[in-house]
Amino acid sequence: CRAVNEFPLVAIGGIDQENARSCLEAGADSVAVISALLKNSNAIAERT
């Protein structure tokens, strides 16, 4: 994040509610999330 300066950066891979904040605090602008949002199809909106 420091090396690319302010170039927009997304962190991806194994990100869930417990570790997402740590990625943003490390400097990422965004977190890409798959399983943590989708694994319970009835709860996708609420998880989001």
All heavy atoms as atom14 arrays in JSON, in Angstrom:
{
  "sequence": "CRAVNEFPLVAIGGIDQENARSCLEAGADSVAVISALLKNSNAIAERT",
  "atom14_mask": [
    [1, 1, 1, 1, 1, 1, 0, 0, 0, 0, 0, 0, 0, 0],
    [1, 1, 1, 1, 1, 1, 1, 1, 1, 1, 1, 0, 0, 0],
    [1, 1, 1, 1, 1, 0, 0, 0, 0, 0, 0, 0, 0, 0],
    [1, 1, 1, 1, 1, 1, 1, 0, 0, 0, 0, 0, 0, 0],
    [1, 1, 1, 1, 1, 1, 1, 1, 0, 0, 0, 0, 0, 0],
    [1, 1, 1, 1, 1, 1, 1, 1, 1, 0, 0, 0, 0, 0],
    [1, 1, 1, 1, 1, 1, 1, 1, 1, 1, 1, 0, 0, 0],
    [1, 1, 1, 1, 1, 1, 1, 0, 0, 0, 0, 0, 0, 0],
    [1, 1, 1, 1, 1, 1, 1, 1, 0, 0, 0, 0, 0, 0],
    [1, 1, 1, 1, 1, 1, 1, 0, 0, 0, 0, 0, 0, 0],
    [1, 1, 1, 1, 1, 0, 0, 0, 0, 0, 0, 0, 0, 0],
    [1, 1, 1, 1, 1, 1, 1, 1, 0, 0, 0, 0, 0, 0],
    [1, 1, 1, 1, 0, 0, 0, 0, 0, 0, 0, 0, 0, 0],
    [1, 1, 1, 1, 0, 0, 0, 0, 0, 0, 0, 0, 0, 0],
    [1, 1, 1, 1, 1, 1, 1, 1, 0, 0, 0, 0, 0, 0],
    [1, 1, 1, 1, 1, 1, 1, 1, 0, 0, 0, 0, 0, 0],
    [1, 1, 1, 1, 1, 1, 1, 1, 1, 0, 0, 0, 0, 0],
    [1, 1, 1, 1, 1, 1, 1, 1, 1, 0, 0, 0, 0, 0],
    [1, 1, 1, 1, 1, 1, 1, 1, 0, 0, 0, 0, 0, 0],
    [1, 1, 1, 1, 1, 0, 0, 0, 0, 0, 0, 0, 0, 0],
    [1, 1, 1, 1, 1, 1, 1, 1, 1, 1, 1, 0, 0, 0],
    [1, 1, 1, 1, 1, 1, 0, 0, 0, 0, 0, 0, 0, 0],
    [1, 1, 1, 1, 1, 1, 0, 0, 0, 0, 0, 0, 0, 0],
    [1, 1, 1, 1, 1, 1, 1, 1, 0, 0, 0, 0, 0, 0],
    [1, 1, 1, 1, 1, 1, 1, 1, 1, 0, 0, 0, 0, 0],
    [1, 1, 1, 1, 1, 0, 0, 0, 0, 0, 0, 0, 0, 0],
    [1, 1, 1, 1, 0, 0, 0, 0, 0, 0, 0, 0, 0, 0],
    [1, 1, 1, 1, 1, 0, 0, 0, 0, 0, 0, 0, 0, 0],
    [1, 1, 1, 1, 1, 1, 1, 1, 0, 0, 0, 0, 0, 0],
    [1, 1, 1, 1, 1, 1, 0, 0, 0, 0, 0, 0, 0, 0],
    [1, 1, 1, 1, 1, 1, 1, 0, 0, 0, 0, 0, 0, 0],
    [1, 1, 1, 1, 1, 0, 0, 0, 0, 0, 0, 0, 0, 0],
    [1, 1, 1, 1, 1, 1, 1, 0, 0, 0, 0, 0, 0, 0],
    [1, 1, 1, 1, 1, 1, 1, 1, 0, 0, 0, 0, 0, 0],
    [1, 1, 1, 1, 1, 1, 0, 0, 0, 0, 0, 0, 0, 0],
    [1, 1, 1, 1, 1, 0, 0, 0, 0, 0, 0, 0, 0, 0],
    [1, 1, 1, 1, 1, 1, 1, 1, 0, 0, 0, 0, 0, 0],
    [1, 1, 1, 1, 1, 1, 1, 1, 0, 0, 0, 0, 0, 0],
    [1, 1, 1, 1, 1, 1, 1, 1, 1, 0, 0, 0, 0, 0],
    [1, 1, 1, 1, 1, 1, 1, 1, 0, 0, 0, 0, 0, 0],
    [1, 1, 1, 1, 1, 1, 0, 0, 0, 0, 0, 0, 0, 0],
    [1, 1, 1, 1, 1, 1, 1, 1, 0, 0, 0, 0, 0, 0],
    [1, 1, 1, 1, 1, 0, 0, 0, 0, 0, 0, 0, 0, 0],
    [1, 1, 1, 1, 1, 1, 1, 1, 0, 0, 0, 0, 0, 0],
    [1, 1, 1, 1, 1, 0, 0, 0, 0, 0, 0, 0, 0, 0],
    [1, 1, 1, 1, 1, 1, 1, 1, 1, 0, 0, 0, 0, 0],
    [1, 1, 1, 1, 1, 1, 1, 1, 1, 1, 1, 0, 0, 0],
    [1, 1, 1, 1, 1, 1, 1, 0, 0, 0, 0, 0, 0, 0]
  ],
  "atom14_positions": [
    [[0.84, -1.21, 0.0], [0.0, 0.0, 0.0], [0.87, 1.26, 0.0], [0.57, 2.24, -0.69], [-0.94, -0.01, 1.2], [-2.22, -1.28, 1.13], [0.0, 0.0, 0.0], [0.0, 0.0, 0.0], [0.0, 0.0, 0.0], [0.0, 0.0, 0.0], [0.0, 0.0, 0.0], [0.0, 0.0, 0.0], [0.0, 0.0, 0.0], [0.0, 0.0, 0.0]],
    [[1.94, 1.22, 0.75], [2.86, 2.37, 0.77], [3.58, 2.51, -0.55], [3.78, 3.62, -1.05], [3.87, 2.2, 1.91], [3.28, 2.35, 3.3], [4.32, 2.03, 4.36], [3.79, 2.18, 5.72], [4.43, 1.8, 6.8], [5.63, 1.23, 6.71], [3.87, 1.96, 8.0], [0.0, 0.0, 0.0], [0.0, 0.0, 0.0], [0.0, 0.0, 0.0]],
    [[3.97, 1.37, -1.15], [4.75, 1.4, -2.39], [3.95, 1.94, -3.57], [4.5, 2.64, -4.43], [5.26, -0.01, -2.71], [0.0, 0.0, 0.0], [0.0, 0.0, 0.0], [0.0, 0.0, 0.0], [0.0, 0.0, 0.0], [0.0, 0.0, 0.0], [0.0, 0.0, 0.0], [0.0, 0.0, 0.0], [0.0, 0.0, 0.0], [0.0, 0.0, 0.0]],
    [[2.64, 1.64, -3.61], [1.82, 2.11, -4.73], [1.2, 3.47, -4.42], [0.42, 3.99, -5.21], [0.72, 1.09, -5.1], [1.35, -0.23, -5.5], [-0.29, 0.91, -3.97], [0.0, 0.0, 0.0], [0.0, 0.0, 0.0], [0.0, 0.0, 0.0], [0.0, 0.0, 0.0], [0.0, 0.0, 0.0], [0.0, 0.0, 0.0], [0.0, 0.0, 0.0]],
    [[1.57, 4.01, -3.27], [1.12, 5.34, -2.84], [-0.4, 5.37, -2.76], [-1.0, 4.6, -2.03], [1.67, 6.41, -3.8], [1.66, 7.8, -3.21], [1.29, 7.98, -2.05], [2.05, 8.78, -3.98], [0.0, 0.0, 0.0], [0.0, 0.0, 0.0], [0.0, 0.0, 0.0], [0.0, 0.0, 0.0], [0.0, 0.0, 0.0], [0.0, 0.0, 0.0]],
    [[-1.06, 6.24, -3.51], [-2.51, 6.38, -3.4], [-3.26, 5.65, -4.52], [-4.45, 5.89, -4.71], [-2.88, 7.86, -3.39], [-2.35, 8.6, -2.17], [-2.8, 10.06, -2.13], [-3.51, 10.49, -3.06], [-2.43, 10.76, -1.18], [0.0, 0.0, 0.0], [0.0, 0.0, 0.0], [0.0, 0.0, 0.0], [0.0, 0.0, 0.0], [0.0, 0.0, 0.0]],
    [[-2.57, 4.76, -5.23], [-3.26, 4.03, -6.29], [-4.29, 3.09, -5.65], [-3.97, 2.36, -4.7], [-2.26, 3.22, -7.12], [-2.8, 2.82, -8.46], [-2.67, 3.66, -9.55], [-3.45, 1.62, -8.62], [-3.19, 3.3, -10.79], [-3.97, 1.24, -9.86], [-3.83, 2.09, -10.94], [0.0, 0.0, 0.0], [0.0, 0.0, 0.0], [0.0, 0.0, 0.0]],
    [[-5.53, 3.08, -6.13], [-6.6, 2.28, -5.52], [-6.23, 0.8, -5.41], [-5.77, 0.2, -6.39], [-7.78, 2.51, -6.46], [-7.52, 3.84, -7.08], [-6.04, 3.9, -7.25], [0.0, 0.0, 0.0], [0.0, 0.0, 0.0], [0.0, 0.0, 0.0], [0.0, 0.0, 0.0], [0.0, 0.0, 0.0], [0.0, 0.0, 0.0], [0.0, 0.0, 0.0]],
    [[-6.45, 0.23, -4.24], [-6.02, -1.15, -3.99], [-7.09, -1.93, -3.24], [-7.64, -1.45, -2.25], [-4.71, -1.15, -3.21], [-4.04, -2.51, -2.98], [-2.53, -2.37, -3.04], [-4.46, -3.1, -1.64], [0.0, 0.0, 0.0], [0.0, 0.0, 0.0], [0.0, 0.0, 0.0], [0.0, 0.0, 0.0], [0.0, 0.0, 0.0], [0.0, 0.0, 0.0]],
    [[-7.37, -3.14, -3.73], [-8.33, -4.05, -3.12], [-7.57, -5.23, -2.52], [-6.76, -5.86, -3.2], [-9.34, -4.59, -4.16], [-10.31, -5.57, -3.51], [-10.09, -3.45, -4.82], [0.0, 0.0, 0.0], [0.0, 0.0, 0.0], [0.0, 0.0, 0.0], [0.0, 0.0, 0.0], [0.0, 0.0, 0.0], [0.0, 0.0, 0.0], [0.0, 0.0, 0.0]],
    [[-7.84, -5.54, -1.27], [-7.29, -6.75, -0.65], [-8.27, -7.89, -0.88], [-9.48, -7.71, -0.77], [-7.07, -6.53, 0.84], [0.0, 0.0, 0.0], [0.0, 0.0, 0.0], [0.0, 0.0, 0.0], [0.0, 0.0, 0.0], [0.0, 0.0, 0.0], [0.0, 0.0, 0.0], [0.0, 0.0, 0.0], [0.0, 0.0, 0.0], [0.0, 0.0, 0.0]],
    [[-7.74, -9.08, -1.2], [-8.61, -10.21, -1.51], [-7.99, -11.5, -0.97], [-6.78, -11.61, -0.85], [-8.85, -10.33, -3.03], [-9.89, -11.41, -3.34], [-7.53, -10.58, -3.78], [-10.35, -11.41, -4.79], [0.0, 0.0, 0.0], [0.0, 0.0, 0.0], [0.0, 0.0, 0.0], [0.0, 0.0, 0.0], [0.0, 0.0, 0.0], [0.0, 0.0, 0.0]],
    [[-8.86, -12.46, -0.64], [-8.4, -13.77, -0.23], [-8.65, -14.07, 1.23], [-7.96, -13.55, 2.09], [0.0, 0.0, 0.0], [0.0, 0.0, 0.0], [0.0, 0.0, 0.0], [0.0, 0.0, 0.0], [0.0, 0.0, 0.0], [0.0, 0.0, 0.0], [0.0, 0.0, 0.0], [0.0, 0.0, 0.0], [0.0, 0.0, 0.0], [0.0, 0.0, 0.0]],
    [[-9.67, -14.89, 1.51], [-9.94, -15.32, 2.87], [-10.41, -14.23, 3.8], [-10.28, -14.36, 5.02], [0.0, 0.0, 0.0], [0.0, 0.0, 0.0], [0.0, 0.0, 0.0], [0.0, 0.0, 0.0], [0.0, 0.0, 0.0], [0.0, 0.0, 0.0], [0.0, 0.0, 0.0], [0.0, 0.0, 0.0], [0.0, 0.0, 0.0], [0.0, 0.0, 0.0]],
    [[-11.0, -13.18, 3.26], [-11.41, -12.04, 4.09], [-12.82, -12.27, 4.63], [-13.75, -12.63, 3.91], [-11.32, -10.73, 3.3], [-9.86, -10.45, 2.94], [-11.9, -9.56, 4.1], [-9.64, -9.26, 2.04], [0.0, 0.0, 0.0], [0.0, 0.0, 0.0], [0.0, 0.0, 0.0], [0.0, 0.0, 0.0], [0.0, 0.0, 0.0], [0.0, 0.0, 0.0]],
    [[-12.97, -12.04, 5.94], [-14.26, -12.19, 6.6], [-14.48, -11.02, 7.57], [-13.68, -10.07, 7.59], [-14.36, -13.54, 7.32], [-13.23, -13.75, 8.33], [-12.7, -12.76, 8.87], [-12.88, -14.92, 8.58], [0.0, 0.0, 0.0], [0.0, 0.0, 0.0], [0.0, 0.0, 0.0], [0.0, 0.0, 0.0], [0.0, 0.0, 0.0], [0.0, 0.0, 0.0]],
    [[-15.54, -11.11, 8.35], [-15.86, -10.0, 9.26], [-14.78, -9.79, 10.32], [-14.59, -8.67, 10.79], [-17.21, -10.26, 9.94], [-18.39, -10.05, 9.02], [-19.7, -10.29, 9.74], [-20.48, -11.15, 9.37], [-19.96, -9.51, 10.78], [0.0, 0.0, 0.0], [0.0, 0.0, 0.0], [0.0, 0.0, 0.0], [0.0, 0.0, 0.0], [0.0, 0.0, 0.0]],
    [[-14.08, -10.86, 10.68], [-13.08, -10.76, 11.74], [-11.79, -10.09, 11.27], [-11.12, -9.42, 12.05], [-12.76, -12.15, 12.3], [-13.83, -12.71, 13.23], [-15.12, -13.04, 12.5], [-15.06, -13.6, 11.4], [-16.21, -12.73, 13.04], [0.0, 0.0, 0.0], [0.0, 0.0, 0.0], [0.0, 0.0, 0.0], [0.0, 0.0, 0.0], [0.0, 0.0, 0.0]],
    [[-11.42, -10.28, 10.0], [-10.13, -9.75, 9.56], [-10.21, -8.61, 8.54], [-9.18, -8.06, 8.14], [-9.25, -10.88, 8.99], [-9.91, -11.6, 7.82], [-10.62, -11.02, 7.02], [-9.65, -12.91, 7.71], [0.0, 0.0, 0.0], [0.0, 0.0, 0.0], [0.0, 0.0, 0.0], [0.0, 0.0, 0.0], [0.0, 0.0, 0.0], [0.0, 0.0, 0.0]],
    [[-11.42, -8.25, 8.11], [-11.56, -7.21, 7.09], [-10.98, -5.87, 7.56], [-10.28, -5.19, 6.81], [-13.03, -7.03, 6.71], [0.0, 0.0, 0.0], [0.0, 0.0, 0.0], [0.0, 0.0, 0.0], [0.0, 0.0, 0.0], [0.0, 0.0, 0.0], [0.0, 0.0, 0.0], [0.0, 0.0, 0.0], [0.0, 0.0, 0.0], [0.0, 0.0, 0.0]],
    [[-11.26, -5.52, 8.8], [-10.79, -4.22, 9.31], [-9.26, -4.14, 9.3], [-8.7, -3.09, 9.02], [-11.33, -3.98, 10.72], [-10.97, -2.61, 11.28], [-11.58, -2.38, 12.65], [-13.03, -2.36, 12.59], [-13.74, -1.3, 12.26], [-13.14, -0.16, 11.96], [-15.06, -1.36, 12.24], [0.0, 0.0, 0.0], [0.0, 0.0, 0.0], [0.0, 0.0, 0.0]],
    [[-8.59, -5.26, 9.58], [-7.13, -5.25, 9.61], [-6.55, -4.94, 8.23], [-5.5, -4.32, 8.12], [-6.59, -6.58, 10.14], [-6.93, -7.65, 9.29], [0.0, 0.0, 0.0], [0.0, 0.0, 0.0], [0.0, 0.0, 0.0], [0.0, 0.0, 0.0], [0.0, 0.0, 0.0], [0.0, 0.0, 0.0], [0.0, 0.0, 0.0], [0.0, 0.0, 0.0]],
    [[-7.25, -5.38, 7.19], [-6.8, -5.08, 5.82], [-6.93, -3.59, 5.51], [-6.05, -2.98, 4.9], [-7.6, -5.89, 4.81], [-7.34, -7.67, 4.9], [0.0, 0.0, 0.0], [0.0, 0.0, 0.0], [0.0, 0.0, 0.0], [0.0, 0.0, 0.0], [0.0, 0.0, 0.0], [0.0, 0.0, 0.0], [0.0, 0.0, 0.0], [0.0, 0.0, 0.0]],
    [[-8.04, -3.01, 5.93], [-8.25, -1.58, 5.71], [-7.26, -0.76, 6.53], [-6.73, 0.25, 6.06], [-9.69, -1.2, 6.06], [-10.78, -1.88, 5.22], [-12.16, -1.54, 5.75], [-10.67, -1.49, 3.75], [0.0, 0.0, 0.0], [0.0, 0.0, 0.0], [0.0, 0.0, 0.0], [0.0, 0.0, 0.0], [0.0, 0.0, 0.0], [0.0, 0.0, 0.0]],
    [[-6.99, -1.21, 7.74], [-6.03, -0.5, 8.58], [-4.61, -0.6, 8.04], [-3.78, 0.28, 8.27], [-6.09, -1.05, 10.01], [-7.38, -0.68, 10.74], [-7.51, -1.34, 12.1], [-6.71, -2.27, 12.39], [-8.41, -0.93, 12.87], [0.0, 0.0, 0.0], [0.0, 0.0, 0.0], [0.0, 0.0, 0.0], [0.0, 0.0, 0.0], [0.0, 0.0, 0.0]],
    [[-4.33, -1.67, 7.28], [-3.01, -1.82, 6.66], [-2.85, -0.91, 5.45], [-1.74, -0.77, 4.94], [-2.8, -3.27, 6.25], [0.0, 0.0, 0.0], [0.0, 0.0, 0.0], [0.0, 0.0, 0.0], [0.0, 0.0, 0.0], [0.0, 0.0, 0.0], [0.0, 0.0, 0.0], [0.0, 0.0, 0.0], [0.0, 0.0, 0.0], [0.0, 0.0, 0.0]],
    [[-3.96, -0.32, 4.99], [-3.87, 0.64, 3.89], [-4.72, 0.32, 2.68], [-4.78, 1.12, 1.74], [0.0, 0.0, 0.0], [0.0, 0.0, 0.0], [0.0, 0.0, 0.0], [0.0, 0.0, 0.0], [0.0, 0.0, 0.0], [0.0, 0.0, 0.0], [0.0, 0.0, 0.0], [0.0, 0.0, 0.0], [0.0, 0.0, 0.0], [0.0, 0.0, 0.0]],
    [[-5.36, -0.85, 2.64], [-6.22, -1.19, 1.5], [-7.42, -0.25, 1.45], [-7.94, 0.17, 2.48], [-6.69, -2.63, 1.6], [0.0, 0.0, 0.0], [0.0, 0.0, 0.0], [0.0, 0.0, 0.0], [0.0, 0.0, 0.0], [0.0, 0.0, 0.0], [0.0, 0.0, 0.0], [0.0, 0.0, 0.0], [0.0, 0.0, 0.0], [0.0, 0.0, 0.0]],
    [[-7.84, 0.09, 0.24], [-9.02, 0.95, 0.07], [-10.31, 0.15, 0.14], [-11.38, 0.69, 0.42], [-8.95, 1.65, -1.29], [-7.73, 2.53, -1.43], [-7.7, 3.59, -0.79], [-6.8, 2.14, -2.15], [0.0, 0.0, 0.0], [0.0, 0.0, 0.0], [0.0, 0.0, 0.0], [0.0, 0.0, 0.0], [0.0, 0.0, 0.0], [0.0, 0.0, 0.0]],
    [[-10.2, -1.15, -0.14], [-11.39, -1.99, -0.26], [-11.03, -3.43, 0.06], [-9.87, -3.82, -0.07], [-11.93, -1.88, -1.7], [-13.05, -2.71, -1.91], [0.0, 0.0, 0.0], [0.0, 0.0, 0.0], [0.0, 0.0, 0.0], [0.0, 0.0, 0.0], [0.0, 0.0, 0.0], [0.0, 0.0, 0.0], [0.0, 0.0, 0.0], [0.0, 0.0, 0.0]],
    [[-12.03, -4.2, 0.46], [-11.84, -5.64, 0.66], [-12.82, -6.39, -0.24], [-14.0, -6.1, -0.26], [-12.03, -6.07, 2.13], [-10.88, -5.54, 2.97], [-13.36, -5.59, 2.7], [0.0, 0.0, 0.0], [0.0, 0.0, 0.0], [0.0, 0.0, 0.0], [0.0, 0.0, 0.0], [0.0, 0.0, 0.0], [0.0, 0.0, 0.0], [0.0, 0.0, 0.0]],
    [[-12.29, -7.35, -0.99], [-13.13, -8.2, -1.82], [-13.53, -9.42, -1.0], [-12.69, -10.05, -0.36], [-12.37, -8.63, -3.07], [0.0, 0.0, 0.0], [0.0, 0.0, 0.0], [0.0, 0.0, 0.0], [0.0, 0.0, 0.0], [0.0, 0.0, 0.0], [0.0, 0.0, 0.0], [0.0, 0.0, 0.0], [0.0, 0.0, 0.0], [0.0, 0.0, 0.0]],
    [[-14.81, -9.73, -1.01], [-15.34, -10.8, -0.16], [-16.24, -11.71, -0.98], [-17.07, -11.25, -1.76], [-16.13, -10.21, 1.04], [-16.6, -11.34, 1.96], [-15.28, -9.22, 1.82], [0.0, 0.0, 0.0], [0.0, 0.0, 0.0], [0.0, 0.0, 0.0], [0.0, 0.0, 0.0], [0.0, 0.0, 0.0], [0.0, 0.0, 0.0], [0.0, 0.0, 0.0]],
    [[-16.05, -13.01, -0.77], [-16.86, -14.0, -1.47], [-17.6, -14.87, -0.45], [-18.76, -14.65, -0.13], [-16.01, -14.87, -2.42], [-15.21, -13.98, -3.39], [-16.92, -15.82, -3.22], [-14.27, -14.75, -4.31], [0.0, 0.0, 0.0], [0.0, 0.0, 0.0], [0.0, 0.0, 0.0], [0.0, 0.0, 0.0], [0.0, 0.0, 0.0], [0.0, 0.0, 0.0]],
    [[-16.91, -15.89, 0.09], [-17.55, -16.88, 0.96], [-18.25, -16.27, 2.17], [-19.35, -16.69, 2.53], [-16.51, -17.9, 1.44], [-15.99, -18.63, 0.36], [0.0, 0.0, 0.0], [0.0, 0.0, 0.0], [0.0, 0.0, 0.0], [0.0, 0.0, 0.0], [0.0, 0.0, 0.0], [0.0, 0.0, 0.0], [0.0, 0.0, 0.0], [0.0, 0.0, 0.0]],
    [[-17.61, -15.3, 2.81], [-18.17, -14.74, 4.04], [-19.5, -14.04, 3.79], [-20.3, -13.87, 4.71], [-17.18, -13.76, 4.67], [0.0, 0.0, 0.0], [0.0, 0.0, 0.0], [0.0, 0.0, 0.0], [0.0, 0.0, 0.0], [0.0, 0.0, 0.0], [0.0, 0.0, 0.0], [0.0, 0.0, 0.0], [0.0, 0.0, 0.0], [0.0, 0.0, 0.0]],
    [[-19.77, -13.66, 2.54], [-21.05, -13.05, 2.2], [-22.05, -14.06, 1.65], [-23.25, -13.94, 1.88], [-20.85, -11.95, 1.15], [-20.15, -10.67, 1.58], [-19.96, -9.76, 0.37], [-20.93, -9.95, 2.66], [0.0, 0.0, 0.0], [0.0, 0.0, 0.0], [0.0, 0.0, 0.0], [0.0, 0.0, 0.0], [0.0, 0.0, 0.0], [0.0, 0.0, 0.0]],
    [[-21.54, -15.07, 0.93], [-22.42, -15.91, 0.12], [-22.74, -17.28, 0.69], [-23.67, -17.94, 0.21], [-21.8, -16.11, -1.28], [-21.43, -14.86, -2.06], [-20.78, -15.27, -3.38], [-22.62, -13.95, -2.3], [0.0, 0.0, 0.0], [0.0, 0.0, 0.0], [0.0, 0.0, 0.0], [0.0, 0.0, 0.0], [0.0, 0.0, 0.0], [0.0, 0.0, 0.0]],
    [[-21.99, -17.74, 1.69], [-22.14, -19.14, 2.1], [-23.51, -19.47, 2.68], [-23.93, -20.62, 2.68], [-21.04, -19.54, 3.08], [-20.98, -18.73, 4.35], [-19.74, -19.11, 5.15], [-19.58, -18.25, 6.39], [-18.34, -18.58, 7.11], [0.0, 0.0, 0.0], [0.0, 0.0, 0.0], [0.0, 0.0, 0.0], [0.0, 0.0, 0.0], [0.0, 0.0, 0.0]],
    [[-24.21, -18.47, 3.18], [-25.6, -18.66, 3.6], [-26.46, -17.78, 2.69], [-26.57, -16.58, 2.9], [-25.78, -18.27, 5.06], [-27.21, -18.49, 5.55], [-28.13, -18.69, 4.76], [-27.41, -18.43, 6.86], [0.0, 0.0, 0.0], [0.0, 0.0, 0.0], [0.0, 0.0, 0.0], [0.0, 0.0, 0.0], [0.0, 0.0, 0.0], [0.0, 0.0, 0.0]],
    [[-27.06, -18.39, 1.67], [-27.76, -17.61, 0.65], [-28.91, -16.79, 1.21], [-29.26, -15.73, 0.67], [-28.27, -18.53, -0.46], [-29.18, -19.48, 0.05], [0.0, 0.0, 0.0], [0.0, 0.0, 0.0], [0.0, 0.0, 0.0], [0.0, 0.0, 0.0], [0.0, 0.0, 0.0], [0.0, 0.0, 0.0], [0.0, 0.0, 0.0], [0.0, 0.0, 0.0]],
    [[-29.51, -17.24, 2.29], [-30.64, -16.52, 2.88], [-30.2, -15.31, 3.7], [-31.04, -14.49, 4.08], [-31.45, -17.46, 3.77], [-32.16, -18.54, 2.98], [-32.64, -18.29, 1.88], [-32.2, -19.75, 3.53], [0.0, 0.0, 0.0], [0.0, 0.0, 0.0], [0.0, 0.0, 0.0], [0.0, 0.0, 0.0], [0.0, 0.0, 0.0], [0.0, 0.0, 0.0]],
    [[-28.9, -15.21, 3.95], [-28.41, -14.12, 4.8], [-27.48, -13.16, 4.05], [-26.79, -12.36, 4.67], [-27.67, -14.7, 6.0], [0.0, 0.0, 0.0], [0.0, 0.0, 0.0], [0.0, 0.0, 0.0], [0.0, 0.0, 0.0], [0.0, 0.0, 0.0], [0.0, 0.0, 0.0], [0.0, 0.0, 0.0], [0.0, 0.0, 0.0], [0.0, 0.0, 0.0]],
    [[-27.47, -13.22, 2.71], [-26.54, -12.39, 1.93], [-26.77, -10.91, 2.19], [-25.82, -10.15, 2.42], [-26.65, -12.71, 0.44], [-26.09, -14.12, 0.16], [-25.9, -11.67, -0.39], [-26.28, -14.58, -1.27], [0.0, 0.0, 0.0], [0.0, 0.0, 0.0], [0.0, 0.0, 0.0], [0.0, 0.0, 0.0], [0.0, 0.0, 0.0], [0.0, 0.0, 0.0]],
    [[-28.0, -10.46, 2.14], [-28.28, -9.03, 2.35], [-27.87, -8.61, 3.74], [-27.24, -7.55, 3.93], [-29.77, -8.75, 2.1], [0.0, 0.0, 0.0], [0.0, 0.0, 0.0], [0.0, 0.0, 0.0], [0.0, 0.0, 0.0], [0.0, 0.0, 0.0], [0.0, 0.0, 0.0], [0.0, 0.0, 0.0], [0.0, 0.0, 0.0], [0.0, 0.0, 0.0]],
    [[-28.2, -9.42, 4.74], [-27.88, -9.06, 6.12], [-26.37, -9.08, 6.37], [-25.84, -8.19, 7.05], [-28.56, -10.06, 7.09], [-28.47, -9.64, 8.54], [-29.11, -8.29, 8.81], [-30.14, -7.99, 8.2], [-28.55, -7.54, 9.63], [0.0, 0.0, 0.0], [0.0, 0.0, 0.0], [0.0, 0.0, 0.0], [0.0, 0.0, 0.0], [0.0, 0.0, 0.0]],
    [[-25.68, -10.05, 5.8], [-24.22, -10.1, 5.95], [-23.56, -8.89, 5.29], [-22.59, -8.33, 5.8], [-23.67, -11.39, 5.34], [-23.93, -12.64, 6.18], [-23.49, -13.89, 5.44], [-23.75, -15.09, 6.23], [-22.85, -15.68, 6.98], [-21.64, -15.18, 7.08], [-23.16, -16.78, 7.67], [0.0, 0.0, 0.0], [0.0, 0.0, 0.0], [0.0, 0.0, 0.0]],
    [[-24.1, -8.49, 4.14], [-23.56, -7.31, 3.45], [-23.74, -6.06, 4.3], [-22.82, -5.25, 4.45], [-24.26, -7.13, 2.09], [-24.12, -8.32, 1.31], [-23.65, -5.96, 1.32], [0.0, 0.0, 0.0], [0.0, 0.0, 0.0], [0.0, 0.0, 0.0], [0.0, 0.0, 0.0], [0.0, 0.0, 0.0], [0.0, 0.0, 0.0], [0.0, 0.0, 0.0]]
  ]
}
